[in-house]
């Protein structure tokens, strides 16, 4: 059979379409004949023994892939998992050819050897050629997978070979998992968990700062190769459930979701394992409770659902949190701009009045009266001003913040004029932005560097600490200006 020279995945699909292997992923729901509600009840009551192995294997797969996938994600090697997942296919075929049968041990050893050879090839290409990591990974992914498809095609055309179940290594067959498959997954999961628990600090340092790890005397290459070995174990043991096409998703997606929720690698590793276990259990449930639903793809979809949930709801990196922070920052900057305008109006009047009118600020900012009234209301709600008779008087907190914003603006203008030799009429726009983010420590440094200057480049007074006290610019009023 001629394989079209497109991509490895396209070649695999063409091979499958030709009838070589059934491309359907295993469907746990086909094991029994029940309606959805009855299936769900039987799933949660563990009524079907055939489902037990599939569920246990799916959970262990998620835990193992979640643990190892975390180190791929933090090291920005997500494509490495995909490359190794596809690279093991020729090892699966060679393991079958060893004794012309689906011997689990022979296939496992062949697949691990092929995965390690793929990782070594990536490293060799990176170190001995000018090609970057992406090119090396792409080469290994496509060439190894293409070789695997060719070998699988040869096996399908060989007479007398027992080829039953060989296709599960492409797309997975969770329903066919038995005690041996679950024992293999469990052994790899325990090994991965022990390795991470015992050598977590070493993996952490080697992942984030190889130079420091070498200077500290750590065998960086040993831990890198150990990580690749454990990763190969995780991939090979997961092939029966999700296959080479989808196992990379179970390595990357739960870890990516965990990374959105925490910045600490320790928490990320165990969160990733938990998300992987949940995705495995969810995939097994919907495949069992539904009708004609594939298990492996459902695991990936469940993991993707977790990722999108974290993407939206994560307290720090989620879309909602980022939207709220941007909105809060915009609202704060709006209030501070209004405070600055109020200060300017008071300054123009020689600080003889304690309050400003809507018309004064509207004229100053070139805005409508309705817009300024809304800004005054925002200051009132924030406790920065009080309103009476259409006029706004700043509270002590509002007066202090107004002085700080004006001080920041004028200090930055003076700094740019003195240090950068910019013209005074070219520094306003930059000061408009920086005034909202200057911290007190930076302000103290600027004041010291500018020799505690009293006037900005335009000859206007720069408010100081004494001016920020209530009534600081007009002591006779005994309160806010």
Protein backbone atom coordinates (compact mmCIF):
# COMPACT_ATOMS: atom_id res chain seq x y z
CA UNK A 1 0.00 0.00 0.00
CA UNK A 2 1.38 3.44 -0.94
CA UNK A 3 1.33 6.06 1.83
CA UNK A 4 0.82 9.64 0.60
CA UNK A 5 3.84 11.85 1.39
CA UNK A 6 1.99 14.40 3.53
CA UNK A 7 2.43 14.17 7.26
CA UNK A 8 2.80 11.27 9.64
CA UNK A 9 -0.73 11.78 10.96
CA UNK A 10 -2.18 11.97 7.47
CA UNK A 11 -0.34 8.80 6.57
CA UNK A 12 -1.75 7.07 9.61
CA UNK A 13 -5.28 8.10 8.71
CA UNK A 14 -4.82 6.91 5.14
CA UNK A 15 -3.51 3.60 6.43
CA UNK A 16 -6.46 3.23 8.78
CA UNK A 17 -8.95 4.19 6.10
CA UNK A 18 -7.55 1.42 3.92
CA UNK A 19 -8.79 -1.07 6.47
CA UNK A 20 -5.56 -1.88 8.22
CA UNK A 21 -6.84 -1.13 11.75
CA UNK A 22 -10.20 -0.06 13.15
CA UNK A 23 -9.76 3.68 13.80
CA UNK A 24 -12.49 3.86 16.43
CA UNK A 25 -11.40 4.47 19.96
CA UNK A 26 -12.71 1.93 22.44
CA UNK A 27 -16.19 2.67 23.75
CA UNK A 28 -16.81 1.49 27.27
CA UNK A 29 -20.54 2.10 26.84
CA UNK A 30 -20.73 -0.72 24.29
CA UNK A 31 -19.94 -3.24 27.00
CA UNK A 32 -23.50 -3.14 28.37
CA UNK A 33 -26.98 -2.37 27.05
CA UNK A 34 -28.60 0.20 29.35
CA UNK A 35 -30.09 3.69 29.11
CA UNK A 36 -28.02 6.71 30.15
CA UNK A 37 -29.51 7.03 33.65
CA UNK A 38 -29.11 3.35 34.34
CA UNK A 39 -25.57 3.37 33.01
CA UNK A 40 -24.69 6.33 35.22
CA UNK A 41 -26.12 4.57 38.26
CA UNK A 42 -24.21 1.38 37.49
CA UNK A 43 -21.01 3.39 36.97
CA UNK A 44 -21.17 5.07 40.39
CA UNK A 45 -22.16 1.84 42.11
CA UNK A 46 -19.37 -0.11 40.36
CA UNK A 47 -21.84 -2.72 39.21
CA UNK A 48 -19.97 -3.87 36.09
CA UNK A 49 -16.62 -5.62 36.65
CA UNK A 50 -15.52 -4.87 33.07
CA UNK A 51 -15.72 -1.16 33.84
CA UNK A 52 -13.50 -1.38 36.91
CA UNK A 53 -10.27 -1.93 35.00
CA UNK A 54 -11.05 0.78 32.46
CA UNK A 55 -11.81 3.31 35.23
CA UNK A 56 -8.74 2.38 37.28
CA UNK A 57 -6.51 2.55 34.21
CA UNK A 58 -7.91 5.93 33.16
CA UNK A 59 -7.34 7.43 36.60
CA UNK A 60 -3.80 6.07 36.84
CA UNK A 61 -3.07 7.33 33.32
CA UNK A 62 -4.21 10.82 34.29
CA UNK A 63 -2.09 10.82 37.45
CA UNK A 64 1.04 9.61 35.67
CA UNK A 65 0.73 11.98 32.72
CA UNK A 66 -0.14 14.90 34.99
CA UNK A 67 2.96 14.36 37.13
CA UNK A 68 5.39 14.13 34.23
CA UNK A 69 3.67 16.71 32.04
CA UNK A 70 4.25 19.45 34.59
CA UNK A 71 8.00 19.41 33.98
CA UNK A 72 7.45 19.56 30.23
CA UNK A 73 5.22 22.61 30.53
CA UNK A 74 7.47 24.60 32.89
CA UNK A 75 10.48 23.88 30.68
CA UNK A 76 8.52 24.89 27.57
CA UNK A 77 8.96 21.42 26.08
CA UNK A 78 5.32 20.61 25.39
CA UNK A 79 6.18 19.54 21.86
CA UNK A 80 8.71 17.08 23.30
CA UNK A 81 5.84 15.07 24.76
CA UNK A 82 4.13 15.00 21.39
CA UNK A 83 7.35 13.98 19.64
CA UNK A 84 8.07 11.15 22.07
CA UNK A 85 4.47 9.96 21.92
CA UNK A 86 4.71 9.58 18.15
CA UNK A 87 8.28 8.25 18.29
CA UNK A 88 7.30 5.15 20.28
CA UNK A 89 5.15 3.74 17.47
CA UNK A 90 8.03 2.00 15.60
CA UNK A 91 9.08 0.51 18.94
CA UNK A 92 5.57 -0.92 19.36
CA UNK A 93 5.79 -2.50 15.91
CA UNK A 94 9.28 -3.90 16.54
CA UNK A 95 8.15 -5.30 19.87
CA UNK A 96 5.35 -7.12 18.06
CA UNK A 97 7.76 -8.41 15.42
CA UNK A 98 10.04 -9.82 18.16
CA UNK A 99 7.89 -12.92 18.54
CA UNK A 100 5.00 -12.12 16.17
CA UNK A 101 2.51 -11.66 19.00
CA UNK A 102 1.19 -8.89 21.23
CA UNK A 103 3.60 -9.61 24.08
CA UNK A 104 3.15 -6.74 26.61
CA UNK A 105 6.75 -6.91 27.85
CA UNK A 106 8.30 -6.95 24.37
CA UNK A 107 6.09 -4.08 23.19
CA UNK A 108 6.84 -2.09 26.34
CA UNK A 109 10.58 -2.50 26.00
CA UNK A 110 10.51 -1.72 22.28
CA UNK A 111 8.42 1.38 22.79
CA UNK A 112 10.63 2.67 25.62
CA UNK A 113 13.74 2.09 23.53
CA UNK A 114 12.19 3.96 20.59
CA UNK A 115 11.16 6.84 22.88
CA UNK A 116 14.65 7.16 24.32
CA UNK A 117 16.14 6.99 20.83
CA UNK A 118 13.80 9.79 19.79
CA UNK A 119 14.85 11.94 22.77
CA UNK A 120 18.53 11.27 22.02
CA UNK A 121 17.98 12.21 18.37
CA UNK A 122 16.41 15.52 19.40
CA UNK A 123 19.37 16.28 21.66
CA UNK A 124 21.85 15.31 18.94
CA UNK A 125 20.18 17.56 16.36
CA UNK A 126 20.10 20.45 18.79
CA UNK A 127 23.77 20.17 19.71
CA UNK A 128 25.31 19.29 16.34
CA UNK A 129 23.28 21.37 13.88
CA UNK A 130 22.12 24.96 13.62
CA UNK A 131 18.47 23.92 13.76
CA UNK A 132 16.46 25.02 16.77
CA UNK A 133 14.46 22.84 19.12
CA UNK A 134 11.23 23.08 17.16
CA UNK A 135 12.85 21.81 13.97
CA UNK A 136 14.47 18.87 15.79
CA UNK A 137 11.22 17.93 17.49
CA UNK A 138 9.28 18.20 14.26
CA UNK A 139 11.79 15.95 12.49
CA UNK A 140 11.64 13.27 15.18
CA UNK A 141 7.85 13.42 15.41
CA UNK A 142 7.22 13.01 11.69
CA UNK A 143 10.04 10.61 10.76
CA UNK A 144 9.61 8.19 13.67
CA UNK A 145 5.83 8.17 13.33
CA UNK A 146 6.10 7.66 9.59
CA UNK A 147 8.43 4.70 10.18
CA UNK A 148 5.96 3.30 12.69
CA UNK A 149 3.08 3.54 10.23
CA UNK A 150 5.14 1.72 7.58
CA UNK A 151 5.99 -1.06 10.03
CA UNK A 152 2.36 -1.36 11.14
CA UNK A 153 1.34 -1.64 7.50
CA UNK A 154 3.86 -4.43 6.97
CA UNK A 155 2.51 -6.25 10.01
CA UNK A 156 -1.04 -6.01 8.71
CA UNK A 157 0.04 -7.57 5.42
CA UNK A 158 1.93 -10.43 7.05
CA UNK A 159 0.02 -13.74 6.93
CA UNK A 160 -0.51 -15.81 10.03
CA UNK A 161 0.27 -13.11 12.59
CA UNK A 162 -2.08 -12.55 15.53
CA UNK A 163 -2.73 -8.84 15.08
CA UNK A 164 -5.78 -8.49 17.31
CA UNK A 165 -5.73 -5.28 19.37
CA UNK A 166 -2.61 -3.86 17.75
CA UNK A 167 -4.56 -0.86 16.46
CA UNK A 168 -5.32 0.24 20.03
CA UNK A 169 -1.83 1.71 20.23
CA UNK A 170 -2.84 4.37 17.71
CA UNK A 171 -6.13 5.59 19.15
CA UNK A 172 -6.42 3.73 22.44
CA UNK A 173 -8.78 1.04 23.65
CA UNK A 174 -9.62 1.74 27.26
CA UNK A 175 -12.41 -0.83 27.34
CA UNK A 176 -9.90 -3.58 26.60
CA UNK A 177 -7.62 -2.77 29.53
CA UNK A 178 -7.13 -5.65 31.91
CA UNK A 179 -5.29 -6.34 35.15
CA UNK A 180 -1.91 -6.40 33.39
CA UNK A 181 -2.42 -2.98 31.80
CA UNK A 182 -3.61 -1.47 35.07
CA UNK A 183 -0.69 -3.02 36.96
CA UNK A 184 1.74 -1.50 34.44
CA UNK A 185 0.10 1.92 34.73
CA UNK A 186 0.09 1.67 38.50
CA UNK A 187 3.76 0.72 38.64
CA UNK A 188 4.77 3.63 36.40
CA UNK A 189 2.56 6.07 38.36
CA UNK A 190 4.11 4.96 41.68
CA UNK A 191 7.62 5.18 40.20
CA UNK A 192 6.95 8.68 38.86
CA UNK A 193 5.44 9.85 42.15
CA UNK A 194 8.40 8.49 44.15
CA UNK A 195 10.93 10.05 41.77
CA UNK A 196 9.21 13.44 41.95
CA UNK A 197 8.87 13.28 45.74
CA UNK A 198 12.49 12.20 46.38
CA UNK A 199 14.25 14.33 43.74
CA UNK A 200 11.86 17.26 43.54
CA UNK A 201 14.47 19.89 44.44
CA UNK A 202 16.89 18.53 41.86
CA UNK A 203 14.23 18.45 39.16
CA UNK A 204 13.19 21.97 40.16
CA UNK A 205 16.69 23.45 39.90
CA UNK A 206 17.52 21.57 36.71
CA UNK A 207 14.28 22.74 35.12
CA UNK A 208 14.61 26.45 35.90
CA UNK A 209 18.34 27.20 36.08
CA UNK A 210 20.72 24.66 34.57
CA UNK A 211 23.71 26.94 35.07
CA UNK A 212 23.09 27.24 38.80
CA UNK A 213 22.46 23.50 39.05
CA UNK A 214 25.83 22.76 37.43
CA UNK A 215 27.60 25.26 39.67
CA UNK A 216 26.03 23.56 42.68
CA UNK A 217 27.46 20.22 41.55
CA UNK A 218 24.20 18.61 40.48
CA UNK A 219 24.40 16.04 37.65
CA UNK A 220 22.08 17.97 35.35
CA UNK A 221 22.32 15.53 32.45
CA UNK A 222 21.47 12.62 34.73
CA UNK A 223 18.27 14.28 35.88
CA UNK A 224 17.40 15.34 32.33
CA UNK A 225 17.81 11.80 31.06
CA UNK A 226 15.92 10.46 34.08
CA UNK A 227 13.07 12.80 33.27
CA UNK A 228 13.02 11.62 29.66
CA UNK A 229 13.06 7.98 30.84
CA UNK A 230 10.12 8.54 33.19
CA UNK A 231 8.34 10.42 30.44
CA UNK A 232 8.84 7.50 28.07
CA UNK A 233 7.50 5.12 30.71
CA UNK A 234 4.42 7.31 31.16
CA UNK A 235 3.79 7.52 27.42
CA UNK A 236 4.22 3.82 26.75
CA UNK A 237 2.05 2.74 29.66
CA UNK A 238 -0.70 5.11 28.49
CA UNK A 239 -0.85 3.89 24.89
CA UNK A 240 -3.44 1.19 25.63
CA UNK A 241 -5.89 3.79 26.93
CA UNK A 242 -5.47 6.82 24.64
CA UNK A 243 -2.96 5.83 21.94
CA UNK A 244 -0.01 7.73 20.50
CA UNK A 245 -2.25 10.33 18.85
CA UNK A 246 -3.81 11.68 22.06
CA UNK A 247 -1.36 10.84 24.86
CA UNK A 248 0.50 14.13 24.37
CA UNK A 249 -2.71 16.01 25.19
CA UNK A 250 -2.94 14.22 28.54
CA UNK A 251 0.66 15.25 29.23
CA UNK A 252 0.21 18.92 28.41
CA UNK A 253 -3.39 20.00 29.07
CA UNK A 254 -3.74 19.14 32.81
CA UNK A 255 -0.31 20.69 33.50
CA UNK A 256 -1.22 23.83 31.56
CA UNK A 257 -4.43 24.13 33.60
CA UNK A 258 -2.51 23.72 36.86
CA UNK A 259 0.01 26.38 35.81
CA UNK A 260 -2.81 28.90 35.51
CA UNK A 261 -3.75 28.32 39.14
CA UNK A 262 -0.37 28.50 40.86
CA UNK A 263 3.15 29.84 40.37
CA UNK A 264 4.78 27.19 42.60
CA UNK A 265 6.00 24.04 40.88
CA UNK A 266 5.24 21.78 43.85
CA UNK A 267 1.58 22.71 43.88
CA UNK A 268 1.45 22.64 40.10
CA UNK A 269 2.72 19.04 39.95
CA UNK A 270 0.09 17.67 42.30
CA UNK A 271 -2.69 19.84 40.86
CA UNK A 272 -1.77 18.55 37.41
CA UNK A 273 -1.95 14.96 38.65
CA UNK A 274 -5.33 15.66 40.26
CA UNK A 275 -6.67 17.25 37.07
CA UNK A 276 -5.39 14.30 35.04
CA UNK A 277 -7.11 11.84 37.37
CA UNK A 278 -10.34 13.81 37.15
CA UNK A 279 -10.15 13.94 33.35
CA UNK A 280 -9.53 10.19 33.20
CA UNK A 281 -12.48 9.44 35.46
CA UNK A 282 -14.73 11.83 33.52
CA UNK A 283 -13.73 10.28 30.19
CA UNK A 284 -14.45 6.79 31.51
CA UNK A 285 -17.82 7.90 32.90
CA UNK A 286 -19.13 9.58 29.75
CA UNK A 287 -17.86 6.74 27.58
CA UNK A 288 -19.64 4.24 29.82
CA UNK A 289 -22.84 6.21 30.39
CA UNK A 290 -23.19 7.37 26.79
CA UNK A 291 -23.66 5.31 23.69
CA UNK A 292 -20.98 5.13 21.01
CA UNK A 293 -18.69 7.64 22.76
CA UNK A 294 -14.90 7.02 22.60
CA UNK A 295 -13.02 6.95 25.89
CA UNK A 296 -9.65 8.46 24.99
CA UNK A 297 -10.97 11.56 23.20
CA UNK A 298 -13.44 12.11 26.05
CA UNK A 299 -10.54 12.15 28.51
CA UNK A 300 -8.85 14.82 26.42
CA UNK A 301 -12.07 16.84 26.19
CA UNK A 302 -12.54 16.61 29.95
CA UNK A 303 -8.97 17.86 30.47
CA UNK A 304 -9.64 20.66 27.98
CA UNK A 305 -12.77 21.61 29.94
CA UNK A 306 -10.66 21.86 33.10
CA UNK A 307 -8.15 24.02 31.24
CA UNK A 308 -10.79 26.43 29.95
CA UNK A 309 -12.34 26.60 33.41
CA UNK A 310 -8.95 27.56 34.86
CA UNK A 311 -8.35 29.97 31.98
CA UNK A 312 -11.55 31.83 32.84
CA UNK A 313 -11.71 31.49 36.64
CA UNK A 314 -8.08 31.36 37.84
CA UNK A 315 -7.73 33.92 40.67
CA UNK A 316 -4.54 35.49 39.29
CA UNK A 317 -4.04 34.48 35.66
CA UNK A 318 -7.67 33.88 34.66
CA UNK A 319 -9.47 35.98 32.08
CA UNK A 320 -12.05 37.22 34.60
CA UNK A 321 -9.36 38.20 37.13
CA UNK A 322 -7.34 39.99 34.45
CA UNK A 323 -10.45 41.77 33.19
CA UNK A 324 -11.35 42.84 36.71
CA UNK A 325 -7.80 44.06 37.37
CA UNK A 326 -7.77 46.08 34.17
CA UNK A 327 -11.17 47.54 35.05
CA UNK A 328 -10.03 48.33 38.58
CA UNK A 329 -6.85 49.97 37.34
CA UNK A 330 -8.80 52.02 34.82
CA UNK A 331 -11.25 53.12 37.53
CA UNK A 332 -8.40 54.03 39.89
CA UNK A 333 -6.62 56.03 37.22
CA UNK A 334 -9.87 57.81 36.41
CA UNK A 335 -10.31 58.79 40.06
CA UNK A 336 -6.70 59.95 40.30
CA UNK A 337 -7.03 62.04 37.15
CA UNK A 338 -10.09 63.71 38.67
CA UNK A 339 -8.21 64.33 41.91
CA UNK A 340 -5.42 65.93 39.91
CA UNK A 341 -7.91 68.16 38.10
CA UNK A 342 -9.44 69.20 41.43
CA UNK A 343 -5.96 70.03 42.75
CA UNK A 344 -5.23 72.15 39.66
CA UNK A 345 -8.49 74.08 40.09
CA UNK A 346 -7.69 74.69 43.76
CA UNK A 347 -4.14 75.70 42.82
CA UNK A 348 -5.36 78.23 40.28
CA UNK A 349 -7.50 79.80 43.02
CA UNK A 350 -4.55 80.02 45.40
CA UNK A 351 -6.05 77.30 47.62
CA UNK A 352 -8.47 79.83 49.08
CA UNK A 353 -11.50 77.57 48.61
CA UNK A 354 -12.13 74.20 50.19
CA UNK A 355 -14.34 72.89 47.36
CA UNK A 356 -14.64 72.98 43.57
CA UNK A 357 -17.70 73.08 41.36
CA UNK A 358 -18.64 70.77 38.55
CA UNK A 359 -18.33 73.62 36.06
CA UNK A 360 -14.76 74.43 37.15
CA UNK A 361 -13.53 70.85 36.66
CA UNK A 362 -15.53 70.38 33.44
CA UNK A 363 -13.92 73.49 32.00
CA UNK A 364 -10.50 72.37 33.16
CA UNK A 365 -10.78 68.89 31.59
CA UNK A 366 -12.92 69.75 28.58
CA UNK A 367 -15.65 67.33 29.62
CA UNK A 368 -19.39 67.54 29.98
CA UNK A 369 -20.99 68.40 33.30
CA UNK A 370 -22.67 64.99 33.42
CA UNK A 371 -19.31 63.23 33.05
CA UNK A 372 -17.73 65.30 35.82
CA UNK A 373 -20.71 64.62 38.10
CA UNK A 374 -20.11 60.91 37.58
CA UNK A 375 -16.44 61.34 38.47
CA UNK A 376 -17.35 63.30 41.59
CA UNK A 377 -19.73 60.50 42.60
CA UNK A 378 -16.92 57.95 42.13
CA UNK A 379 -14.67 60.00 44.44
CA UNK A 380 -17.49 60.21 46.98
CA UNK A 381 -18.03 56.41 46.90
CA UNK A 382 -14.29 55.82 47.32
CA UNK A 383 -14.17 58.07 50.40
CA UNK A 384 -11.93 60.60 48.65
CA UNK A 385 -14.41 63.49 48.55
CA UNK A 386 -17.69 64.81 49.91
CA UNK A 387 -20.39 66.47 47.82
CA UNK A 388 -22.71 69.27 48.85
CA UNK A 389 -24.64 71.71 46.68
CA UNK A 390 -23.00 70.45 43.47
CA UNK A 391 -19.51 71.10 44.84
CA UNK A 392 -16.83 68.63 45.86
CA UNK A 393 -14.52 68.96 48.87
CA UNK A 394 -11.67 66.49 49.22
CA UNK A 395 -11.40 64.38 52.33
CA UNK A 396 -7.96 64.14 54.04
CA UNK A 397 -7.35 60.88 52.17
CA UNK A 398 -8.44 62.47 48.89
CA UNK A 399 -6.26 65.52 49.45
CA UNK A 400 -3.22 63.36 50.23
CA UNK A 401 -3.70 61.23 47.10
CA UNK A 402 -4.23 64.34 44.95
CA UNK A 403 -0.95 65.78 46.23
CA UNK A 404 0.83 62.48 45.57
CA UNK A 405 -0.36 62.31 41.96
CA UNK A 406 0.63 65.93 41.27
CA UNK A 407 3.97 65.36 43.02
CA UNK A 408 4.67 62.23 40.95
CA UNK A 409 3.79 64.02 37.72
CA UNK A 410 5.96 67.08 38.38
CA UNK A 411 8.88 65.10 39.78
CA UNK A 412 8.96 62.91 36.69
CA UNK A 413 8.82 65.93 34.41
CA UNK A 414 11.74 67.46 36.27
CA UNK A 415 13.69 64.20 36.16
CA UNK A 416 13.24 63.83 32.39
CA UNK A 417 14.19 67.45 31.87
CA UNK A 418 17.35 67.20 34.01
CA UNK A 419 18.53 63.62 33.44
CA UNK A 420 17.39 63.05 29.85
CA UNK A 421 17.79 66.65 28.69
CA UNK A 422 14.30 66.72 27.23
CA UNK A 423 12.51 69.98 26.56
CA UNK A 424 9.90 70.88 29.21
CA UNK A 425 7.14 70.79 26.61
CA UNK A 426 8.04 67.18 25.66
CA UNK A 427 7.69 65.47 29.04
CA UNK A 428 4.01 65.90 29.86
CA UNK A 429 2.69 62.84 28.02
CA UNK A 430 5.18 60.50 29.65
CA UNK A 431 4.48 61.94 33.09
CA UNK A 432 0.74 61.41 32.54
CA UNK A 433 1.39 57.66 32.39
CA UNK A 434 4.09 57.24 35.02
CA UNK A 435 2.34 59.29 37.71
CA UNK A 436 -0.07 56.43 38.47
CA UNK A 437 2.55 53.73 39.04
CA UNK A 438 5.42 55.43 40.85
CA UNK A 439 5.98 53.85 44.25
CA UNK A 440 7.06 55.70 47.37
CA UNK A 441 10.54 54.18 47.30
CA UNK A 442 11.06 55.40 43.74
CA UNK A 443 9.70 58.83 44.66
CA UNK A 444 12.16 59.13 47.56
CA UNK A 445 15.00 58.22 45.20
CA UNK A 446 13.85 60.83 42.68
CA UNK A 447 13.57 63.51 45.36
CA UNK A 448 17.06 62.77 46.58
CA UNK A 449 18.50 62.74 43.07
CA UNK A 450 16.78 66.05 42.28
CA UNK A 451 18.10 67.55 45.53
CA UNK A 452 14.57 67.93 46.90
CA UNK A 453 13.60 70.46 44.26
CA UNK A 454 10.57 72.65 45.00
CA UNK A 455 9.58 73.63 41.45
CA UNK A 456 8.90 71.61 38.30
CA UNK A 457 10.22 72.60 34.83
CA UNK A 458 7.22 74.90 34.35
CA UNK A 459 7.82 76.80 37.60
CA UNK A 460 4.97 75.16 39.51
CA UNK A 461 5.32 73.98 43.09
CA UNK A 462 5.98 70.29 43.75
CA UNK A 463 3.92 69.13 46.76
CA UNK A 464 6.01 67.70 49.58
CA UNK A 465 5.23 65.62 52.65
CA UNK A 466 4.29 68.70 54.68
CA UNK A 467 1.91 69.86 51.96
CA UNK A 468 0.07 66.53 52.05
CA UNK A 469 -1.04 67.01 55.64
CA UNK A 470 -4.63 68.32 56.06
CA UNK A 471 -4.52 72.05 55.39
CA UNK A 472 -0.86 71.79 54.40
CA UNK A 473 -1.10 74.40 51.66
CA UNK A 474 -3.54 76.56 53.60
CA UNK A 475 -2.94 76.14 57.35
CA UNK A 476 -5.44 78.83 58.22
CA UNK A 477 -8.29 76.58 57.17
CA UNK A 478 -7.32 73.92 59.72
CA UNK A 479 -8.38 71.05 57.51
CA UNK A 480 -8.63 70.09 53.87
CA UNK A 481 -7.73 72.92 51.50
